[in-house]
PDB file of N, CA and C in Angstrom:
ATOM      1  N   MET A   1      85.403  73.105  96.954  1.00  0.00           N
ATOM      2  CA  MET A   1      86.454  74.049  96.679  1.00  0.00           C
ATOM      3  C   MET A   1      87.703  73.338  96.168  1.00  0.00           C
ATOM      4  N   ALA A   2      87.527  72.252  95.482  1.00  0.00           N
ATOM      5  CA  ALA A   2      88.650  71.459  94.997  1.00  0.00           C
ATOM      6  C   ALA A   2      89.515  72.239  94.002  1.00  0.00           C
ATOM      7  N   ASP A   3      88.924  73.193  93.310  1.00  0.00           N
ATOM      8  CA  ASP A   3      89.669  73.945  92.296  1.00  0.00           C
ATOM      9  C   ASP A   3      90.438  75.133  92.869  1.00  0.00           C
ATOM     10  N   VAL A   4      90.238  75.419  94.148  1.00  0.00           N
ATOM     11  CA  VAL A   4      90.883  76.577  94.762  1.00  0.00           C
ATOM     12  C   VAL A   4      92.050  76.103  95.623  1.00  0.00           C
ATOM     13  N   ASP A   5      93.211  76.693  95.402  1.00  0.00           N
ATOM     14  CA  ASP A   5      94.385  76.418  96.230  1.00  0.00           C
ATOM     15  C   ASP A   5      94.949  77.753  96.691  1.00  0.00           C
ATOM     16  N   GLY A   6      96.064  77.717  97.376  1.00  0.00           N
ATOM     17  CA  GLY A   6      96.658  78.939  97.907  1.00  0.00           C
ATOM     18  C   GLY A   6      96.978  79.978  96.847  1.00  0.00           C
ATOM     19  N   PHE A   7      97.479  79.535  95.713  1.00  0.00           N
ATOM     20  CA  PHE A   7      97.803  80.469  94.630  1.00  0.00           C
ATOM     21  C   PHE A   7      96.534  81.118  94.078  1.00  0.00           C
ATOM     22  N   PHE A   8      95.506  80.313  93.887  1.00  0.00           N
ATOM     23  CA  PHE A   8      94.246  80.846  93.368  1.00  0.00           C
ATOM     24  C   PHE A   8      93.611  81.809  94.371  1.00  0.00           C
ATOM     25  N   ALA A   9      93.820  81.545  95.656  1.00  0.00           N
ATOM     26  CA  ALA A   9      93.305  82.442  96.684  1.00  0.00           C
ATOM     27  C   ALA A   9      93.914  83.834  96.532  1.00  0.00           C
ATOM     28  N   ILE A  10      95.191  83.885  96.210  1.00  0.00           N
ATOM     29  CA  ILE A  10      95.850  85.174  95.977  1.00  0.00           C
ATOM     30  C   ILE A  10      95.213  85.887  94.786  1.00  0.00           C
ATOM     31  N   LEU A  11      94.943  85.137  93.735  1.00  0.00           N
ATOM     32  CA  LEU A  11      94.305  85.731  92.548  1.00  0.00           C
ATOM     33  C   LEU A  11      92.906  86.241  92.874  1.00  0.00           C
ATOM     34  N   LEU A  12      92.179  85.501  93.698  1.00  0.00           N
ATOM     35  CA  LEU A  12      90.841  85.948  94.101  1.00  0.00           C
ATOM     36  C   LEU A  12      90.926  87.267  94.865  1.00  0.00           C
ATOM     37  N   TRP A  13      91.896  87.355  95.780  1.00  0.00           N
ATOM     38  CA  TRP A  13      92.058  88.595  96.543  1.00  0.00           C
ATOM     39  C   TRP A  13      92.396  89.757  95.620  1.00  0.00           C
ATOM     40  N   GLN A  14      93.290  89.551  94.675  1.00  0.00           N
ATOM     41  CA  GLN A  14      93.651  90.616  93.731  1.00  0.00           C
ATOM     42  C   GLN A  14      92.448  91.030  92.893  1.00  0.00           C
ATOM     43  N   GLU A  15      91.652  90.070  92.486  1.00  0.00           N
ATOM     44  CA  GLU A  15      90.445  90.373  91.698  1.00  0.00           C
ATOM     45  C   GLU A  15      89.485  91.239  92.506  1.00  0.00           C
ATOM     46  N   TYR A  16      89.322  90.897  93.774  1.00  0.00           N
ATOM     47  CA  TYR A  16      88.432  91.700  94.610  1.00  0.00           C
ATOM     48  C   TYR A  16      89.026  93.090  94.845  1.00  0.00           C
ATOM     49  N   LYS A  17      90.293  93.133  95.181  1.00  0.00           N
ATOM     50  CA  LYS A  17      90.951  94.394  95.503  1.00  0.00           C
ATOM     51  C   LYS A  17      90.973  95.352  94.308  1.00  0.00           C
ATOM     52  N   ASN A  18      91.245  94.818  93.138  1.00  0.00           N
ATOM     53  CA  ASN A  18      91.383  95.663  91.954  1.00  0.00           C
ATOM     54  C   ASN A  18      90.065  96.006  91.274  1.00  0.00           C
ATOM     55  N   ARG A  19      89.096  95.098  91.355  1.00  0.00           N
ATOM     56  CA  ARG A  19      87.838  95.300  90.610  1.00  0.00           C
ATOM     57  C   ARG A  19      86.588  95.275  91.479  1.00  0.00           C
ATOM     58  N   GLN A  20      86.791  95.123  92.801  1.00  0.00           N
ATOM     59  CA  GLN A  20      85.670  95.040  93.728  1.00  0.00           C
ATOM     60  C   GLN A  20      84.674  93.947  93.329  1.00  0.00           C
ATOM     61  N   ASN A  21      85.225  92.836  92.838  1.00  0.00           N
ATOM     62  CA  ASN A  21      84.410  91.697  92.412  1.00  0.00           C
ATOM     63  C   ASN A  21      83.931  90.954  93.650  1.00  0.00           C
ATOM     64  N   ARG A  22      82.678  91.150  93.997  1.00  0.00           N
ATOM     65  CA  ARG A  22      82.100  90.573  95.221  1.00  0.00           C
ATOM     66  C   ARG A  22      82.113  89.045  95.183  1.00  0.00           C
ATOM     67  N   LYS A  23      81.905  88.453  94.026  1.00  0.00           N
ATOM     68  CA  LYS A  23      81.907  86.991  93.888  1.00  0.00           C
ATOM     69  C   LYS A  23      83.294  86.425  94.215  1.00  0.00           C
ATOM     70  N   ALA A  24      84.350  87.112  93.791  1.00  0.00           N
ATOM     71  CA  ALA A  24      85.709  86.680  94.104  1.00  0.00           C
ATOM     72  C   ALA A  24      85.924  86.692  95.612  1.00  0.00           C
ATOM     73  N   LEU A  25      85.440  87.732  96.285  1.00  0.00           N
ATOM     74  CA  LEU A  25      85.580  87.818  97.735  1.00  0.00           C
ATOM     75  C   LEU A  25      84.797  86.702  98.423  1.00  0.00           C
ATOM     76  N   GLU A  26      83.591  86.443  97.984  1.00  0.00           N
ATOM     77  CA  GLU A  26      82.779  85.378  98.575  1.00  0.00           C
ATOM     78  C   GLU A  26      83.459  84.017  98.411  1.00  0.00           C
ATOM     79  N   THR A  27      84.023  83.767  97.248  1.00  0.00           N
ATOM     80  CA  THR A  27      84.735  82.511  97.009  1.00  0.00           C
ATOM     81  C   THR A  27      85.957  82.417  97.909  1.00  0.00           C
ATOM     82  N   LEU A  28      86.693  83.509  98.037  1.00  0.00           N
ATOM     83  CA  LEU A  28      87.871  83.536  98.898  1.00  0.00           C
ATOM     84  C   LEU A  28      87.497  83.276 100.354  1.00  0.00           C
ATOM     85  N   LEU A  29      86.441  83.905 100.829  1.00  0.00           N
ATOM     86  CA  LEU A  29      86.014  83.690 102.207  1.00  0.00           C
ATOM     87  C   LEU A  29      85.583  82.247 102.436  1.00  0.00           C
ATOM     88  N   SER A  30      84.891  81.661 101.484  1.00  0.00           N
ATOM     89  CA  SER A  30      84.495  80.253 101.598  1.00  0.00           C
ATOM     90  C   SER A  30      85.715  79.352 101.655  1.00  0.00           C
ATOM     91  N   TYR A  31      86.690  79.635 100.822  1.00  0.00           N
ATOM     92  CA  TYR A  31      87.934  78.866 100.817  1.00  0.00           C
ATOM     93  C   TYR A  31      88.637  78.983 102.161  1.00  0.00           C
ATOM     94  N   ASN A  32      88.721  80.202 102.696  1.00  0.00           N
ATOM     95  CA  ASN A  32      89.411  80.423 103.965  1.00  0.00           C
ATOM     96  C   ASN A  32      88.723  79.704 105.119  1.00  0.00           C
ATOM     97  N   ILE A  33      87.404  79.715 105.130  1.00  0.00           N
ATOM     98  CA  ILE A  33      86.660  79.009 106.176  1.00  0.00           C
ATOM     99  C   ILE A  33      86.930  77.520 106.091  1.00  0.00           C
ATOM    100  N   GLN A  34      86.839  76.986 104.902  1.00  0.00           N
ATOM    101  CA  GLN A  34      87.070  75.559 104.706  1.00  0.00           C
ATOM    102  C   GLN A  34      88.506  75.182 105.066  1.00  0.00           C
ATOM    103  N   ASP A  35      89.457  76.023 104.719  1.00  0.00           N
ATOM    104  CA  ASP A  35      90.853  75.785 105.032  1.00  0.00           C
ATOM    105  C   ASP A  35      91.070  75.761 106.543  1.00  0.00           C
ATOM    106  N   ALA A  36      90.470  76.708 107.249  1.00  0.00           N
ATOM    107  CA  ALA A  36      90.616  76.769 108.707  1.00  0.00           C
ATOM    108  C   ALA A  36      89.988  75.548 109.376  1.00  0.00           C
ATOM    109  N   VAL A  37      88.840  75.121 108.896  1.00  0.00           N
ATOM    110  CA  VAL A  37      88.181  73.937 109.455  1.00  0.00           C
ATOM    111  C   VAL A  37      89.044  72.711 109.245  1.00  0.00           C
ATOM    112  N   ASN A  38      89.622  72.569 108.069  1.00  0.00           N
ATOM    113  CA  ASN A  38      90.465  71.413 107.770  1.00  0.00           C
ATOM    114  C   ASN A  38      91.749  71.401 108.582  1.00  0.00           C
ATOM    115  N   LEU A  39      92.234  72.568 109.014  1.00  0.00           N
ATOM    116  CA  LEU A  39      93.449  72.643 109.822  1.00  0.00           C
ATOM    117  C   LEU A  39      93.248  72.019 111.206  1.00  0.00           C
ATOM    118  N   GLU A  40      92.013  71.971 111.665  1.00  0.00           N
ATOM    119  CA  GLU A  40      91.717  71.396 112.981  1.00  0.00           C
ATOM    120  C   GLU A  40      92.239  69.963 113.065  1.00  0.00           C
ATOM    121  N   TYR A  41      92.189  69.223 111.977  1.00  0.00           N
ATOM    122  CA  TYR A  41      92.603  67.832 111.971  1.00  0.00           C
ATOM    123  C   TYR A  41      94.115  67.672 111.981  1.00  0.00           C
ATOM    124  N   LEU A  42      94.825  68.726 111.669  1.00  0.00           N
ATOM    125  CA  LEU A  42      96.284  68.663 111.698  1.00  0.00           C
ATOM    126  C   LEU A  42      96.751  68.886 113.099  1.00  0.00           C
TER     127      LEU A  42
END
């Protein structure tokens, strides 16, 4: 998920919300899971 950052996450959510793009939602959920796991080390 190197290409996804917080700003891109917002765009993914808007894409899902506006167009019901399931792939955008799946990518966003993967990013969020990875982000939460990485926070454990902080």
